[in-house]
Amino acid sequence: TGNQIQIILDRTPFFGESGGQIGDHGLLLADGLRVAVNGVRREQEVFIHSAVVEKGSIKLGDNVTLKIDMDRRSSLKANHSATHLLHASLRGYLGVHVTQKGSLVAHDRLRFDFSHLKPLTEIDLRYIETAVNQQIRRNSSVKTRLMDPDSAVESGALALFGERYGNEVRVVSMGTDANRAFSTELCGGTHVDNTG
């Protein structure tokens, strides 16, 4: 009790850290057992839950109930969707040479890394922020669909170079810009249902 342990389950609803989005927190529960999950990472198809046993003991073969901290998950989803809106705003204003070079999506903040030919001015920052806020105020639906990678890119989805994609990818579209989505990217992370 009280020591950090690693737990692997046969299945889990917890999101494992990937693509810049940090993993979920929550609880693992059973009769006489309470385990606080304080992070999840993904190594290929295996999800490793970092946890602290608060009460009881856990052993191989235990049946457990998992509860995600949904307030925290909601904040993660909002910040992750905001990175997509920010990316589209940067590309729309500065040019398509702007692509994500890294990111951090946490429950309390986001960081978006990109390269550009020169520093951004205050006017640039105001325009980019205004474009993102317009998409948020429009409260448009966030749509996801599964596609093969080639079809996804042909349909206009932005794929990040250096990322590995399987035979089927998740395409996330959000916002509105004329008669098309403001942002369409390949992404396996969690997202809000609407931009508002």
C-alpha atoms as a PDB file:
ATOM      1  CA  THR A   1       0.000   0.000   0.000  1.00  0.00           C
ATOM      2  CA  GLY A   2       1.263   3.479  -0.881  1.00  0.00           C
ATOM      3  CA  ASN A   3       3.967   2.416  -3.354  1.00  0.00           C
ATOM      4  CA  GLN A   4       3.855   3.197  -7.069  1.00  0.00           C
ATOM      5  CA  ILE A   5       3.087   0.050  -9.093  1.00  0.00           C
ATOM      6  CA  GLN A   6       2.488  -0.785 -12.753  1.00  0.00           C
ATOM      7  CA  ILE A   7      -0.692  -2.669 -13.725  1.00  0.00           C
ATOM      8  CA  ILE A   8      -1.542  -4.282 -17.063  1.00  0.00           C
ATOM      9  CA  LEU A   9      -5.167  -5.268 -17.661  1.00  0.00           C
ATOM     10  CA  ASP A  10      -6.741  -7.396 -20.389  1.00  0.00           C
ATOM     11  CA  ARG A  11      -8.736  -4.316 -21.503  1.00  0.00           C
ATOM     12  CA  THR A  12      -9.144  -0.739 -20.357  1.00  0.00           C
ATOM     13  CA  PRO A  13     -11.204   2.400 -21.070  1.00  0.00           C
ATOM     14  CA  PHE A  14      -8.272   4.585 -19.968  1.00  0.00           C
ATOM     15  CA  PHE A  15      -6.469   6.638 -22.617  1.00  0.00           C
ATOM     16  CA  GLY A  16      -2.753   5.855 -22.733  1.00  0.00           C
ATOM     17  CA  GLU A  17      -0.377   8.746 -23.316  1.00  0.00           C
ATOM     18  CA  SER A  18       0.288   9.236 -27.026  1.00  0.00           C
ATOM     19  CA  GLY A  19       0.448  11.943 -29.657  1.00  0.00           C
ATOM     20  CA  GLY A  20       1.268  14.557 -27.011  1.00  0.00           C
ATOM     21  CA  GLN A  21      -1.871  13.844 -24.954  1.00  0.00           C
ATOM     22  CA  ILE A  22      -1.146  12.665 -21.431  1.00  0.00           C
ATOM     23  CA  GLY A  23      -2.851   9.572 -20.039  1.00  0.00           C
ATOM     24  CA  ASP A  24      -6.007   9.339 -17.976  1.00  0.00           C
ATOM     25  CA  HIS A  25      -6.290   9.233 -14.189  1.00  0.00           C
ATOM     26  CA  GLY A  26      -8.952   7.462 -12.187  1.00  0.00           C
ATOM     27  CA  LEU A  27      -9.688   4.507  -9.952  1.00  0.00           C
ATOM     28  CA  LEU A  28      -9.451   0.739 -10.094  1.00  0.00           C
ATOM     29  CA  LEU A  29     -11.971  -0.790  -7.658  1.00  0.00           C
ATOM     30  CA  ALA A  30     -13.037  -4.199  -6.314  1.00  0.00           C
ATOM     31  CA  ASP A  31     -14.313  -5.545  -2.985  1.00  0.00           C
ATOM     32  CA  GLY A  32     -11.874  -4.234  -0.374  1.00  0.00           C
ATOM     33  CA  LEU A  33      -9.619  -2.763  -3.074  1.00  0.00           C
ATOM     34  CA  ARG A  34      -9.056   0.845  -4.084  1.00  0.00           C
ATOM     35  CA  VAL A  35      -6.234   1.766  -6.452  1.00  0.00           C
ATOM     36  CA  ALA A  36      -5.563   5.321  -7.663  1.00  0.00           C
ATOM     37  CA  VAL A  37      -4.436   5.336 -11.304  1.00  0.00           C
ATOM     38  CA  ASN A  38      -2.238   8.386 -11.838  1.00  0.00           C
ATOM     39  CA  GLY A  39      -1.124   7.840 -15.411  1.00  0.00           C
ATOM     40  CA  VAL A  40      -1.359   5.447 -18.316  1.00  0.00           C
ATOM     41  CA  ARG A  41       1.182   4.926 -21.047  1.00  0.00           C
ATOM     42  CA  ARG A  42       0.914   2.851 -24.156  1.00  0.00           C
ATOM     43  CA  GLU A  43       3.669   0.598 -25.419  1.00  0.00           C
ATOM     44  CA  GLN A  44       2.477  -0.705 -28.782  1.00  0.00           C
ATOM     45  CA  GLU A  45      -0.859  -2.369 -27.939  1.00  0.00           C
ATOM     46  CA  VAL A  46      -0.220  -2.717 -24.182  1.00  0.00           C
ATOM     47  CA  PHE A  47      -1.588  -0.118 -21.747  1.00  0.00           C
ATOM     48  CA  ILE A  48       0.464   0.239 -18.563  1.00  0.00           C
ATOM     49  CA  HIS A  49      -1.373   1.856 -15.647  1.00  0.00           C
ATOM     50  CA  SER A  50       0.812   3.650 -13.092  1.00  0.00           C
ATOM     51  CA  ALA A  51      -0.999   3.391  -9.789  1.00  0.00           C
ATOM     52  CA  VAL A  52      -0.901   3.488  -6.014  1.00  0.00           C
ATOM     53  CA  VAL A  53      -2.797   0.939  -3.926  1.00  0.00           C
ATOM     54  CA  GLU A  54      -4.749   2.958  -1.362  1.00  0.00           C
ATOM     55  CA  LYS A  55      -6.627   0.062   0.224  1.00  0.00           C
ATOM     56  CA  GLY A  56      -6.359  -3.727  -0.013  1.00  0.00           C
ATOM     57  CA  SER A  57      -4.094  -5.704  -2.304  1.00  0.00           C
ATOM     58  CA  ILE A  58      -4.234  -6.627  -5.959  1.00  0.00           C
ATOM     59  CA  LYS A  59      -3.319  -9.953  -7.510  1.00  0.00           C
ATOM     60  CA  LEU A  60      -3.276 -11.650 -10.879  1.00  0.00           C
ATOM     61  CA  GLY A  61      -6.760 -12.605 -12.063  1.00  0.00           C
ATOM     62  CA  ASP A  62      -8.689 -10.057  -9.965  1.00  0.00           C
ATOM     63  CA  ASN A  63     -11.871  -8.686 -11.555  1.00  0.00           C
ATOM     64  CA  VAL A  64     -11.899  -4.911 -11.192  1.00  0.00           C
ATOM     65  CA  THR A  65     -14.067  -1.930 -12.074  1.00  0.00           C
ATOM     66  CA  LEU A  66     -12.347   1.049 -13.700  1.00  0.00           C
ATOM     67  CA  LYS A  67     -13.511   4.624 -13.251  1.00  0.00           C
ATOM     68  CA  ILE A  68     -11.958   7.398 -15.295  1.00  0.00           C
ATOM     69  CA  ASP A  69     -11.713  10.864 -13.731  1.00  0.00           C
ATOM     70  CA  MET A  70     -14.209  12.343 -16.208  1.00  0.00           C
ATOM     71  CA  ASP A  71     -13.696  15.988 -15.167  1.00  0.00           C
ATOM     72  CA  ARG A  72     -10.005  15.633 -15.967  1.00  0.00           C
ATOM     73  CA  ARG A  73     -10.788  13.718 -19.193  1.00  0.00           C
ATOM     74  CA  SER A  74     -13.159  16.520 -20.255  1.00  0.00           C
ATOM     75  CA  SER A  75     -10.376  19.071 -19.805  1.00  0.00           C
ATOM     76  CA  LEU A  76      -7.955  16.878 -21.768  1.00  0.00           C
ATOM     77  CA  LYS A  77     -10.478  16.526 -24.593  1.00  0.00           C
ATOM     78  CA  ALA A  78     -11.052  20.289 -24.737  1.00  0.00           C
ATOM     79  CA  ASN A  79      -7.338  21.072 -24.811  1.00  0.00           C
ATOM     80  CA  HIS A  80      -6.667  18.423 -27.445  1.00  0.00           C
ATOM     81  CA  SER A  81      -9.424  19.747 -29.699  1.00  0.00           C
ATOM     82  CA  ALA A  82      -8.030  23.258 -29.168  1.00  0.00           C
ATOM     83  CA  THR A  83      -4.639  22.114 -30.534  1.00  0.00           C
ATOM     84  CA  HIS A  84      -6.378  21.051 -33.752  1.00  0.00           C
ATOM     85  CA  LEU A  85      -8.107  24.439 -34.046  1.00  0.00           C
ATOM     86  CA  LEU A  86      -4.824  26.216 -33.311  1.00  0.00           C
ATOM     87  CA  HIS A  87      -2.971  24.145 -35.914  1.00  0.00           C
ATOM     88  CA  ALA A  88      -5.568  24.974 -38.588  1.00  0.00           C
ATOM     89  CA  SER A  89      -5.541  28.659 -37.629  1.00  0.00           C
ATOM     90  CA  LEU A  90      -1.725  28.809 -37.852  1.00  0.00           C
ATOM     91  CA  ARG A  91      -1.728  27.107 -41.250  1.00  0.00           C
ATOM     92  CA  GLY A  92      -4.545  29.308 -42.545  1.00  0.00           C
ATOM     93  CA  TYR A  93      -2.838  32.531 -41.485  1.00  0.00           C
ATOM     94  CA  LEU A  94       0.901  31.785 -41.782  1.00  0.00           C
ATOM     95  CA  GLY A  95       0.836  29.184 -44.576  1.00  0.00           C
ATOM     96  CA  VAL A  96       0.761  25.457 -45.119  1.00  0.00           C
ATOM     97  CA  HIS A  97       4.476  25.164 -44.337  1.00  0.00           C
ATOM     98  CA  VAL A  98       3.445  25.329 -40.664  1.00  0.00           C
ATOM     99  CA  THR A  99       3.107  21.844 -39.222  1.00  0.00           C
ATOM    100  CA  GLN A 100       3.086  20.473 -35.727  1.00  0.00           C
ATOM    101  CA  LYS A 101       6.568  19.618 -34.469  1.00  0.00           C
ATOM    102  CA  GLY A 102       5.416  18.488 -31.030  1.00  0.00           C
ATOM    103  CA  SER A 103       2.768  19.158 -28.443  1.00  0.00           C
ATOM    104  CA  LEU A 104       1.655  18.654 -24.877  1.00  0.00           C
ATOM    105  CA  VAL A 105      -2.012  18.153 -24.146  1.00  0.00           C
ATOM    106  CA  ALA A 106      -2.590  18.206 -20.393  1.00  0.00           C
ATOM    107  CA  HIS A 107      -5.733  18.731 -18.329  1.00  0.00           C
ATOM    108  CA  ASP A 108      -4.648  22.239 -17.316  1.00  0.00           C
ATOM    109  CA  ARG A 109      -2.814  23.523 -20.402  1.00  0.00           C
ATOM    110  CA  LEU A 110      -1.655  22.838 -23.918  1.00  0.00           C
ATOM    111  CA  ARG A 111       1.577  23.508 -25.739  1.00  0.00           C
ATOM    112  CA  PHE A 112       1.870  23.452 -29.523  1.00  0.00           C
ATOM    113  CA  ASP A 113       5.311  23.396 -31.145  1.00  0.00           C
ATOM    114  CA  PHE A 114       5.796  24.529 -34.740  1.00  0.00           C
ATOM    115  CA  SER A 115       8.405  26.219 -36.887  1.00  0.00           C
ATOM    116  CA  HIS A 116       7.971  29.383 -38.923  1.00  0.00           C
ATOM    117  CA  LEU A 117      10.295  31.654 -40.851  1.00  0.00           C
ATOM    118  CA  LYS A 118      10.138  34.504 -38.330  1.00  0.00           C
ATOM    119  CA  PRO A 119       8.762  35.306 -34.860  1.00  0.00           C
ATOM    120  CA  LEU A 120       5.050  36.034 -34.587  1.00  0.00           C
ATOM    121  CA  THR A 121       3.978  39.627 -34.074  1.00  0.00           C
ATOM    122  CA  GLU A 122       1.236  40.795 -31.716  1.00  0.00           C
ATOM    123  CA  ILE A 123      -1.008  41.241 -34.764  1.00  0.00           C
ATOM    124  CA  ASP A 124      -0.280  37.642 -35.852  1.00  0.00           C
ATOM    125  CA  LEU A 125      -1.132  36.345 -32.373  1.00  0.00           C
ATOM    126  CA  ARG A 126      -4.392  38.337 -32.242  1.00  0.00           C
ATOM    127  CA  TYR A 127      -5.497  37.056 -35.651  1.00  0.00           C
ATOM    128  CA  ILE A 128      -4.688  33.424 -34.802  1.00  0.00           C
ATOM    129  CA  GLU A 129      -6.429  33.669 -31.420  1.00  0.00           C
ATOM    130  CA  THR A 130      -9.489  35.329 -33.000  1.00  0.00           C
ATOM    131  CA  ALA A 131      -9.754  32.564 -35.629  1.00  0.00           C
ATOM    132  CA  VAL A 132      -9.649  29.854 -32.925  1.00  0.00           C
ATOM    133  CA  ASN A 133     -12.211  31.682 -30.776  1.00  0.00           C
ATOM    134  CA  GLN A 134     -14.548  32.077 -33.777  1.00  0.00           C
ATOM    135  CA  GLN A 135     -14.521  28.301 -34.238  1.00  0.00           C
ATOM    136  CA  ILE A 136     -15.238  27.775 -30.545  1.00  0.00           C
ATOM    137  CA  ARG A 137     -18.172  30.233 -30.649  1.00  0.00           C
ATOM    138  CA  ARG A 138     -19.650  28.498 -33.704  1.00  0.00           C
ATOM    139  CA  ASN A 139     -20.152  25.421 -31.517  1.00  0.00           C
ATOM    140  CA  SER A 140     -19.988  23.117 -34.535  1.00  0.00           C
ATOM    141  CA  SER A 141     -19.910  19.320 -34.348  1.00  0.00           C
ATOM    142  CA  VAL A 142     -16.675  17.377 -34.135  1.00  0.00           C
ATOM    143  CA  LYS A 143     -16.875  14.426 -36.482  1.00  0.00           C
ATOM    144  CA  THR A 144     -14.768  11.273 -36.468  1.00  0.00           C
ATOM    145  CA  ARG A 145     -14.596   8.523 -39.041  1.00  0.00           C
ATOM    146  CA  LEU A 146     -12.381   5.527 -39.705  1.00  0.00           C
ATOM    147  CA  MET A 147     -10.614   5.324 -43.062  1.00  0.00           C
ATOM    148  CA  ASP A 148      -7.577   3.743 -44.668  1.00  0.00           C
ATOM    149  CA  PRO A 149      -4.588   6.153 -44.525  1.00  0.00           C
ATOM    150  CA  ASP A 150      -4.364   6.825 -48.281  1.00  0.00           C
ATOM    151  CA  SER A 151      -8.084   7.638 -48.587  1.00  0.00           C
ATOM    152  CA  ALA A 152      -7.870   9.870 -45.515  1.00  0.00           C
ATOM    153  CA  VAL A 153      -5.009  11.943 -46.945  1.00  0.00           C
ATOM    154  CA  GLU A 154      -6.686  12.076 -50.378  1.00  0.00           C
ATOM    155  CA  SER A 155      -9.823  13.444 -48.697  1.00  0.00           C
ATOM    156  CA  GLY A 156      -7.766  16.318 -47.262  1.00  0.00           C
ATOM    157  CA  ALA A 157      -6.875  15.019 -43.791  1.00  0.00           C
ATOM    158  CA  LEU A 158      -3.576  16.307 -42.464  1.00  0.00           C
ATOM    159  CA  ALA A 159      -1.170  13.502 -41.541  1.00  0.00           C
ATOM    160  CA  LEU A 160       1.896  14.311 -39.470  1.00  0.00           C
ATOM    161  CA  PHE A 161       5.128  13.117 -41.016  1.00  0.00           C
ATOM    162  CA  GLY A 162       7.079  10.842 -38.708  1.00  0.00           C
ATOM    163  CA  GLU A 163       3.901   9.354 -37.210  1.00  0.00           C
ATOM    164  CA  ARG A 164       3.186   5.690 -37.872  1.00  0.00           C
ATOM    165  CA  TYR A 165      -0.299   4.819 -38.986  1.00  0.00           C
ATOM    166  CA  GLY A 166      -1.923   1.398 -39.224  1.00  0.00           C
ATOM    167  CA  ASN A 167      -4.264   0.000 -41.860  1.00  0.00           C
ATOM    168  CA  GLU A 168      -7.123   2.053 -40.439  1.00  0.00           C
ATOM    169  CA  VAL A 169      -6.876   5.623 -39.168  1.00  0.00           C
ATOM    170  CA  ARG A 170      -9.208   7.899 -37.281  1.00  0.00           C
ATOM    171  CA  VAL A 171      -9.971  11.177 -39.059  1.00  0.00           C
ATOM    172  CA  VAL A 172     -11.146  14.048 -36.834  1.00  0.00           C
ATOM    173  CA  SER A 173     -12.870  17.048 -38.455  1.00  0.00           C
ATOM    174  CA  MET A 174     -14.056  20.149 -36.614  1.00  0.00           C
ATOM    175  CA  GLY A 175     -15.125  23.714 -37.148  1.00  0.00           C
ATOM    176  CA  THR A 176     -16.485  25.311 -40.278  1.00  0.00           C
ATOM    177  CA  ASP A 177     -14.725  27.314 -42.968  1.00  0.00           C
ATOM    178  CA  ALA A 178     -16.909  28.131 -45.984  1.00  0.00           C
ATOM    179  CA  ASN A 179     -18.259  24.743 -47.102  1.00  0.00           C
ATOM    180  CA  ARG A 180     -15.641  22.541 -45.447  1.00  0.00           C
ATOM    181  CA  ALA A 181     -14.275  21.645 -42.032  1.00  0.00           C
ATOM    182  CA  PHE A 182     -11.890  24.166 -40.478  1.00  0.00           C
ATOM    183  CA  SER A 183      -9.591  21.341 -39.307  1.00  0.00           C
ATOM    184  CA  THR A 184      -9.274  17.753 -40.536  1.00  0.00           C
ATOM    185  CA  GLU A 185      -6.458  15.627 -39.132  1.00  0.00           C
ATOM    186  CA  LEU A 186      -5.540  12.021 -38.493  1.00  0.00           C
ATOM    187  CA  CYS A 187      -5.701  11.588 -34.739  1.00  0.00           C
ATOM    188  CA  GLY A 188      -6.146   8.834 -32.162  1.00  0.00           C
ATOM    189  CA  GLY A 189      -6.649  11.107 -29.165  1.00  0.00           C
ATOM    190  CA  THR A 190      -9.757  12.092 -27.244  1.00  0.00           C
ATOM    191  CA  HIS A 191     -11.844  15.062 -28.416  1.00  0.00           C
ATOM    192  CA  VAL A 192     -14.927  17.070 -27.498  1.00  0.00           C
ATOM    193  CA  ASP A 193     -18.257  16.534 -29.278  1.00  0.00           C
ATOM    194  CA  ASN A 194     -18.470  20.152 -30.446  1.00  0.00           C
ATOM    195  CA  THR A 195     -16.101  23.092 -30.671  1.00  0.00           C
ATOM    196  CA  GLY A 196     -18.020  25.106 -28.051  1.00  0.00           C
END
